[in-house]
Amino acid sequence: MHLDNSILVPPVDALARIFKALSEPARLRIVLALSDDCRPVSDVVEATGLPQPLVSHHLRILRDAGVAQPDRRGGFVYY
C-alpha cells in the first residue's frame, strides 16, 4: 500500500522553517509564554524578561514561520 506523504506530512521546507524558528532559546521562551493564553506583546515582554524590541523581532520570525499568529485588538497586538 502506497501512502501519499504530501497529505500526511507538511512539506519538509515548512517544517524546517518551524524548527529553525524554535531553535533560538529566546523564541522558544516566547512560545512557552504564549502556550497558556493569547497575550499582548507587553505581557510577553514581562513573562520572558526580554526587551520589547527583541520580543517584537522574535515574534516577527515566529509569525513568518507560521508558529505565532497576531490578532490586533484596539491599540494592542495579541499573540
PDB file of N, CA and C in Angstrom:
ATOM      1  N   MET A   1       0.840  -1.177   0.000  1.00  0.00           N
ATOM      2  CA  MET A   1       0.000   0.000   0.000  1.00  0.00           C
ATOM      3  C   MET A   1       0.885   1.239   0.000  1.00  0.00           C
ATOM      4  N   HIS A   2       0.610   2.168  -0.869  1.00  0.00           N
ATOM      5  CA  HIS A   2       1.386   3.387  -1.017  1.00  0.00           C
ATOM      6  C   HIS A   2       0.621   4.551  -0.404  1.00  0.00           C
ATOM      7  N   LEU A   3       1.265   5.264   0.522  1.00  0.00           N
ATOM      8  CA  LEU A   3       0.634   6.427   1.142  1.00  0.00           C
ATOM      9  C   LEU A   3       1.182   7.699   0.514  1.00  0.00           C
ATOM     10  N   ASP A   4       0.325   8.634   0.248  1.00  0.00           N
ATOM     11  CA  ASP A   4       0.733   9.922  -0.289  1.00  0.00           C
ATOM     12  C   ASP A   4       1.223  10.785   0.865  1.00  0.00           C
ATOM     13  N   ASN A   5       2.545  10.921   0.998  1.00  0.00           N
ATOM     14  CA  ASN A   5       3.132  11.665   2.118  1.00  0.00           C
ATOM     15  C   ASN A   5       2.760  13.138   2.112  1.00  0.00           C
ATOM     16  N   SER A   6       2.407  13.700   0.976  1.00  0.00           N
ATOM     17  CA  SER A   6       2.059  15.119   0.935  1.00  0.00           C
ATOM     18  C   SER A   6       0.770  15.396   1.711  1.00  0.00           C
ATOM     19  N   ILE A   7      -0.067  14.394   1.876  1.00  0.00           N
ATOM     20  CA  ILE A   7      -1.312  14.568   2.628  1.00  0.00           C
ATOM     21  C   ILE A   7      -1.059  14.396   4.124  1.00  0.00           C
ATOM     22  N   LEU A   8      -0.193  13.474   4.495  1.00  0.00           N
ATOM     23  CA  LEU A   8       0.022  13.135   5.897  1.00  0.00           C
ATOM     24  C   LEU A   8       1.038  14.030   6.594  1.00  0.00           C
ATOM     25  N   VAL A   9       2.016  14.529   5.858  1.00  0.00           N
ATOM     26  CA  VAL A   9       3.124  15.262   6.461  1.00  0.00           C
ATOM     27  C   VAL A   9       3.248  16.629   5.786  1.00  0.00           C
ATOM     28  N   PRO A  10       3.377  17.693   6.587  1.00  0.00           N
ATOM     29  CA  PRO A  10       3.586  19.009   5.979  1.00  0.00           C
ATOM     30  C   PRO A  10       4.871  18.997   5.143  1.00  0.00           C
ATOM     31  N   PRO A  11       4.977  19.868   4.166  1.00  0.00           N
ATOM     32  CA  PRO A  11       6.188  19.922   3.357  1.00  0.00           C
ATOM     33  C   PRO A  11       7.429  20.096   4.232  1.00  0.00           C
ATOM     34  N   VAL A  12       8.491  19.442   3.834  1.00  0.00           N
ATOM     35  CA  VAL A  12       9.738  19.468   4.603  1.00  0.00           C
ATOM     36  C   VAL A  12      10.241  20.898   4.775  1.00  0.00           C
ATOM     37  N   ASP A  13      10.124  21.724   3.761  1.00  0.00           N
ATOM     38  CA  ASP A  13      10.591  23.110   3.874  1.00  0.00           C
ATOM     39  C   ASP A  13       9.833  23.871   4.958  1.00  0.00           C
ATOM     40  N   ALA A  14       8.533  23.647   5.056  1.00  0.00           N
ATOM     41  CA  ALA A  14       7.739  24.311   6.090  1.00  0.00           C
ATOM     42  C   ALA A  14       8.155  23.830   7.477  1.00  0.00           C
ATOM     43  N   LEU A  15       8.385  22.546   7.619  1.00  0.00           N
ATOM     44  CA  LEU A  15       8.841  22.015   8.912  1.00  0.00           C
ATOM     45  C   LEU A  15      10.207  22.573   9.278  1.00  0.00           C
ATOM     46  N   ALA A  16      11.082  22.685   8.297  1.00  0.00           N
ATOM     47  CA  ALA A  16      12.422  23.219   8.555  1.00  0.00           C
ATOM     48  C   ALA A  16      12.336  24.658   9.052  1.00  0.00           C
ATOM     49  N   ARG A  17      11.439  25.481   8.477  1.00  0.00           N
ATOM     50  CA  ARG A  17      11.264  26.866   8.937  1.00  0.00           C
ATOM     51  C   ARG A  17      10.772  26.896  10.382  1.00  0.00           C
ATOM     52  N   ILE A  18       9.862  26.012  10.712  1.00  0.00           N
ATOM     53  CA  ILE A  18       9.331  25.961  12.081  1.00  0.00           C
ATOM     54  C   ILE A  18      10.420  25.564  13.063  1.00  0.00           C
ATOM     55  N   PHE A  19      11.155  24.507  12.734  1.00  0.00           N
ATOM     56  CA  PHE A  19      12.214  24.054  13.641  1.00  0.00           C
ATOM     57  C   PHE A  19      13.321  25.090  13.772  1.00  0.00           C
ATOM     58  N   LYS A  20      13.633  25.779  12.676  1.00  0.00           N
ATOM     59  CA  LYS A  20      14.658  26.825  12.728  1.00  0.00           C
ATOM     60  C   LYS A  20      14.194  27.957  13.641  1.00  0.00           C
ATOM     61  N   ALA A  21      12.925  28.340  13.512  1.00  0.00           N
ATOM     62  CA  ALA A  21      12.385  29.408  14.364  1.00  0.00           C
ATOM     63  C   ALA A  21      12.424  29.011  15.833  1.00  0.00           C
ATOM     64  N   LEU A  22      12.154  27.762  16.127  1.00  0.00           N
ATOM     65  CA  LEU A  22      12.113  27.291  17.511  1.00  0.00           C
ATOM     66  C   LEU A  22      13.487  26.961  18.080  1.00  0.00           C
ATOM     67  N   SER A  23      14.519  26.970  17.240  1.00  0.00           N
ATOM     68  CA  SER A  23      15.855  26.604  17.711  1.00  0.00           C
ATOM     69  C   SER A  23      16.513  27.709  18.538  1.00  0.00           C
ATOM     70  N   GLU A  24      16.012  28.912  18.460  1.00  0.00           N
ATOM     71  CA  GLU A  24      16.537  30.030  19.244  1.00  0.00           C
ATOM     72  C   GLU A  24      15.890  30.006  20.629  1.00  0.00           C
ATOM     73  N   PRO A  25      16.685  29.925  21.703  1.00  0.00           N
ATOM     74  CA  PRO A  25      16.120  29.841  23.055  1.00  0.00           C
ATOM     75  C   PRO A  25      15.145  30.969  23.398  1.00  0.00           C
ATOM     76  N   ALA A  26      15.418  32.192  22.970  1.00  0.00           N
ATOM     77  CA  ALA A  26      14.505  33.300  23.286  1.00  0.00           C
ATOM     78  C   ALA A  26      13.154  33.085  22.617  1.00  0.00           C
ATOM     79  N   ARG A  27      13.147  32.593  21.381  1.00  0.00           N
ATOM     80  CA  ARG A  27      11.875  32.349  20.698  1.00  0.00           C
ATOM     81  C   ARG A  27      11.126  31.196  21.344  1.00  0.00           C
ATOM     82  N   LEU A  28      11.840  30.203  21.798  1.00  0.00           N
ATOM     83  CA  LEU A  28      11.194  29.088  22.487  1.00  0.00           C
ATOM     84  C   LEU A  28      10.559  29.564  23.795  1.00  0.00           C
ATOM     85  N   ARG A  29      11.236  30.477  24.510  1.00  0.00           N
ATOM     86  CA  ARG A  29      10.648  31.053  25.736  1.00  0.00           C
ATOM     87  C   ARG A  29       9.370  31.826  25.413  1.00  0.00           C
ATOM     88  N   ILE A  30       9.381  32.538  24.288  1.00  0.00           N
ATOM     89  CA  ILE A  30       8.197  33.294  23.875  1.00  0.00           C
ATOM     90  C   ILE A  30       7.049  32.338  23.582  1.00  0.00           C
ATOM     91  N   VAL A  31       7.329  31.265  22.860  1.00  0.00           N
ATOM     92  CA  VAL A  31       6.283  30.286  22.537  1.00  0.00           C
ATOM     93  C   VAL A  31       5.722  29.679  23.820  1.00  0.00           C
ATOM     94  N   LEU A  32       6.585  29.357  24.760  1.00  0.00           N
ATOM     95  CA  LEU A  32       6.118  28.804  26.034  1.00  0.00           C
ATOM     96  C   LEU A  32       5.271  29.823  26.800  1.00  0.00           C
ATOM     97  N   ALA A  33       5.640  31.102  26.723  1.00  0.00           N
ATOM     98  CA  ALA A  33       4.852  32.146  27.391  1.00  0.00           C
ATOM     99  C   ALA A  33       3.476  32.288  26.756  1.00  0.00           C
ATOM    100  N   LEU A  34       3.375  31.964  25.469  1.00  0.00           N
ATOM    101  CA  LEU A  34       2.105  32.072  24.758  1.00  0.00           C
ATOM    102  C   LEU A  34       1.281  30.792  24.798  1.00  0.00           C
ATOM    103  N   SER A  35       1.825  29.746  25.373  1.00  0.00           N
ATOM    104  CA  SER A  35       1.148  28.444  25.313  1.00  0.00           C
ATOM    105  C   SER A  35      -0.128  28.390  26.153  1.00  0.00           C
ATOM    106  N   ASP A  36      -0.242  29.214  27.187  1.00  0.00           N
ATOM    107  CA  ASP A  36      -1.425  29.185  28.049  1.00  0.00           C
ATOM    108  C   ASP A  36      -2.587  30.005  27.509  1.00  0.00           C
ATOM    109  N   ASP A  37      -2.266  31.162  26.940  1.00  0.00           N
ATOM    110  CA  ASP A  37      -3.330  32.076  26.544  1.00  0.00           C
ATOM    111  C   ASP A  37      -2.798  33.071  25.529  1.00  0.00           C
ATOM    112  N   CYS A  38      -3.698  33.708  24.827  1.00  0.00           N
ATOM    113  CA  CYS A  38      -3.374  34.784  23.898  1.00  0.00           C
ATOM    114  C   CYS A  38      -2.994  36.005  24.735  1.00  0.00           C
ATOM    115  N   ARG A  39      -1.822  36.593  24.450  1.00  0.00           N
ATOM    116  CA  ARG A  39      -1.331  37.701  25.272  1.00  0.00           C
ATOM    117  C   ARG A  39      -0.884  38.874  24.412  1.00  0.00           C
ATOM    118  N   PRO A  40      -0.971  40.089  24.961  1.00  0.00           N
ATOM    119  CA  PRO A  40      -0.391  41.234  24.253  1.00  0.00           C
ATOM    120  C   PRO A  40       1.137  41.182  24.364  1.00  0.00           C
ATOM    121  N   VAL A  41       1.794  41.892  23.477  1.00  0.00           N
ATOM    122  CA  VAL A  41       3.254  41.896  23.449  1.00  0.00           C
ATOM    123  C   VAL A  41       3.823  42.322  24.800  1.00  0.00           C
ATOM    124  N   SER A  42       3.198  43.293  25.450  1.00  0.00           N
ATOM    125  CA  SER A  42       3.708  43.759  26.750  1.00  0.00           C
ATOM    126  C   SER A  42       3.732  42.632  27.783  1.00  0.00           C
ATOM    127  N   ASP A  43       2.755  41.738  27.755  1.00  0.00           N
ATOM    128  CA  ASP A  43       2.751  40.584  28.667  1.00  0.00           C
ATOM    129  C   ASP A  43       3.859  39.592  28.317  1.00  0.00           C
ATOM    130  N   VAL A  44       4.132  39.433  27.031  1.00  0.00           N
ATOM    131  CA  VAL A  44       5.216  38.537  26.605  1.00  0.00           C
ATOM    132  C   VAL A  44       6.551  39.098  27.078  1.00  0.00           C
ATOM    133  N   VAL A  45       6.717  40.412  26.990  1.00  0.00           N
ATOM    134  CA  VAL A  45       7.935  41.066  27.484  1.00  0.00           C
ATOM    135  C   VAL A  45       8.102  40.777  28.971  1.00  0.00           C
ATOM    136  N   GLU A  46       7.026  40.949  29.724  1.00  0.00           N
ATOM    137  CA  GLU A  46       7.080  40.713  31.178  1.00  0.00           C
ATOM    138  C   GLU A  46       7.357  39.244  31.502  1.00  0.00           C
ATOM    139  N   ALA A  47       6.725  38.339  30.774  1.00  0.00           N
ATOM    140  CA  ALA A  47       6.879  36.905  31.052  1.00  0.00           C
ATOM    141  C   ALA A  47       8.268  36.389  30.717  1.00  0.00           C
ATOM    142  N   THR A  48       8.903  36.971  29.699  1.00  0.00           N
ATOM    143  CA  THR A  48      10.206  36.460  29.259  1.00  0.00           C
ATOM    144  C   THR A  48      11.384  37.241  29.824  1.00  0.00           C
ATOM    145  N   GLY A  49      11.123  38.498  30.244  1.00  0.00           N
ATOM    146  CA  GLY A  49      12.219  39.333  30.729  1.00  0.00           C
ATOM    147  C   GLY A  49      13.075  39.897  29.611  1.00  0.00           C
ATOM    148  N   LEU A  50      12.642  39.735  28.371  1.00  0.00           N
ATOM    149  CA  LEU A  50      13.383  40.255  27.221  1.00  0.00           C
ATOM    150  C   LEU A  50      12.919  41.672  26.908  1.00  0.00           C
ATOM    151  N   PRO A  51      13.790  42.500  26.340  1.00  0.00           N
ATOM    152  CA  PRO A  51      13.365  43.855  25.960  1.00  0.00           C
ATOM    153  C   PRO A  51      12.320  43.817  24.843  1.00  0.00           C
ATOM    154  N   GLN A  52      11.427  44.802  24.839  1.00  0.00           N
ATOM    155  CA  GLN A  52      10.327  44.834  23.882  1.00  0.00           C
ATOM    156  C   GLN A  52      10.792  44.769  22.423  1.00  0.00           C
ATOM    157  N   PRO A  53      11.834  45.518  22.006  1.00  0.00           N
ATOM    158  CA  PRO A  53      12.250  45.418  20.602  1.00  0.00           C
ATOM    159  C   PRO A  53      12.697  44.001  20.219  1.00  0.00           C
ATOM    160  N   LEU A  54      13.347  43.311  21.153  1.00  0.00           N
ATOM    161  CA  LEU A  54      13.792  41.947  20.882  1.00  0.00           C
ATOM    162  C   LEU A  54      12.608  40.989  20.804  1.00  0.00           C
ATOM    163  N   VAL A  55      11.631  41.157  21.673  1.00  0.00           N
ATOM    164  CA  VAL A  55      10.418  40.328  21.625  1.00  0.00           C
ATOM    165  C   VAL A  55       9.704  40.538  20.293  1.00  0.00           C
ATOM    166  N   SER A  56       9.570  41.791  19.871  1.00  0.00           N
ATOM    167  CA  SER A  56       8.917  42.070  18.582  1.00  0.00           C
ATOM    168  C   SER A  56       9.671  41.439  17.423  1.00  0.00           C
ATOM    169  N   HIS A  57      10.979  41.500  17.468  1.00  0.00           N
ATOM    170  CA  HIS A  57      11.809  40.877  16.425  1.00  0.00           C
ATOM    171  C   HIS A  57      11.561  39.370  16.376  1.00  0.00           C
ATOM    172  N   HIS A  58      11.602  38.724  17.522  1.00  0.00           N
ATOM    173  CA  HIS A  58      11.398  37.279  17.571  1.00  0.00           C
ATOM    174  C   HIS A  58       9.967  36.897  17.187  1.00  0.00           C
ATOM    175  N   LEU A  59       8.993  37.708  17.584  1.00  0.00           N
ATOM    176  CA  LEU A  59       7.611  37.428  17.203  1.00  0.00           C
ATOM    177  C   LEU A  59       7.428  37.512  15.687  1.00  0.00           C
ATOM    178  N   ARG A  60       8.133  38.431  15.036  1.00  0.00           N
ATOM    179  CA  ARG A  60       8.060  38.517  13.581  1.00  0.00           C
ATOM    180  C   ARG A  60       8.583  37.238  12.940  1.00  0.00           C
ATOM    181  N   ILE A  61       9.685  36.715  13.454  1.00  0.00           N
ATOM    182  CA  ILE A  61      10.253  35.473  12.930  1.00  0.00           C
ATOM    183  C   ILE A  61       9.284  34.312  13.167  1.00  0.00           C
ATOM    184  N   LEU A  62       8.706  34.245  14.359  1.00  0.00           N
ATOM    185  CA  LEU A  62       7.734  33.191  14.656  1.00  0.00           C
ATOM    186  C   LEU A  62       6.488  33.321  13.778  1.00  0.00           C
ATOM    187  N   ARG A  63       6.061  34.553  13.518  1.00  0.00           N
ATOM    188  CA  ARG A  63       4.922  34.798  12.624  1.00  0.00           C
ATOM    189  C   ARG A  63       5.241  34.323  11.215  1.00  0.00           C
ATOM    190  N   ASP A  64       6.421  34.679  10.711  1.00  0.00           N
ATOM    191  CA  ASP A  64       6.832  34.293   9.362  1.00  0.00           C
ATOM    192  C   ASP A  64       6.935  32.782   9.204  1.00  0.00           C
ATOM    193  N   ALA A  65       7.270  32.092  10.294  1.00  0.00           N
ATOM    194  CA  ALA A  65       7.392  30.630  10.256  1.00  0.00           C
ATOM    195  C   ALA A  65       6.041  29.951  10.465  1.00  0.00           C
ATOM    196  N   GLY A  66       5.008  30.730  10.776  1.00  0.00           N
ATOM    197  CA  GLY A  66       3.683  30.155  10.993  1.00  0.00           C
ATOM    198  C   GLY A  66       3.473  29.617  12.393  1.00  0.00           C
ATOM    199  N   VAL A  67       4.351  29.986  13.322  1.00  0.00           N
ATOM    200  CA  VAL A  67       4.261  29.487  14.694  1.00  0.00           C
ATOM    201  C   VAL A  67       3.354  30.380  15.541  1.00  0.00           C
ATOM    202  N   ALA A  68       3.371  31.681  15.295  1.00  0.00           N
ATOM    203  CA  ALA A  68       2.552  32.632  16.042  1.00  0.00           C
ATOM    204  C   ALA A  68       1.649  33.387  15.069  1.00  0.00           C
ATOM    205  N   GLN A  69       0.482  33.754  15.563  1.00  0.00           N
ATOM    206  CA  GLN A  69      -0.474  34.481  14.730  1.00  0.00           C
ATOM    207  C   GLN A  69      -0.924  35.732  15.472  1.00  0.00           C
ATOM    208  N   PRO A  70      -0.753  36.918  14.854  1.00  0.00           N
ATOM    209  CA  PRO A  70      -1.155  38.155  15.521  1.00  0.00           C
ATOM    210  C   PRO A  70      -2.658  38.390  15.437  1.00  0.00           C
ATOM    211  N   ASP A  71      -3.173  39.085  16.446  1.00  0.00           N
ATOM    212  CA  ASP A  71      -4.581  39.469  16.478  1.00  0.00           C
ATOM    213  C   ASP A  71      -4.640  40.881  17.036  1.00  0.00           C
ATOM    214  N   ARG A  72      -4.930  41.851  16.185  1.00  0.00           N
ATOM    215  CA  ARG A  72      -4.983  43.247  16.626  1.00  0.00           C
ATOM    216  C   ARG A  72      -6.301  43.506  17.346  1.00  0.00           C
ATOM    217  N   ARG A  73      -6.167  44.046  18.560  1.00  0.00           N
ATOM    218  CA  ARG A  73      -7.337  44.401  19.387  1.00  0.00           C
ATOM    219  C   ARG A  73      -7.133  45.823  19.863  1.00  0.00           C
ATOM    220  N   GLY A  74      -7.794  46.742  19.195  1.00  0.00           N
ATOM    221  CA  GLY A  74      -7.598  48.150  19.534  1.00  0.00           C
ATOM    222  C   GLY A  74      -6.175  48.553  19.238  1.00  0.00           C
ATOM    223  N   GLY A  75      -5.504  49.114  20.227  1.00  0.00           N
ATOM    224  CA  GLY A  75      -4.115  49.557  20.064  1.00  0.00           C
ATOM    225  C   GLY A  75      -3.095  48.479  20.399  1.00  0.00           C
ATOM    226  N   PHE A  76      -3.539  47.267  20.661  1.00  0.00           N
ATOM    227  CA  PHE A  76      -2.632  46.194  21.068  1.00  0.00           C
ATOM    228  C   PHE A  76      -2.642  45.064  20.058  1.00  0.00           C
ATOM    229  N   VAL A  77      -1.504  44.375  19.983  1.00  0.00           N
ATOM    230  CA  VAL A  77      -1.423  43.171  19.164  1.00  0.00           C
ATOM    231  C   VAL A  77      -1.261  41.994  20.114  1.00  0.00           C
ATOM    232  N   TYR A  78      -2.143  41.043  20.006  1.00  0.00           N
ATOM    233  CA  TYR A  78      -2.105  39.826  20.832  1.00  0.00           C
ATOM    234  C   TYR A  78      -1.559  38.679  19.998  1.00  0.00           C
ATOM    235  N   TYR A  79      -0.875  37.764  20.671  1.00  0.00           N
ATOM    236  CA  TYR A  79      -0.351  36.563  20.022  1.00  0.00           C
ATOM    237  C   TYR A  79      -0.810  35.355  20.799  1.00  0.00           C
TER     238      TYR A  79
END
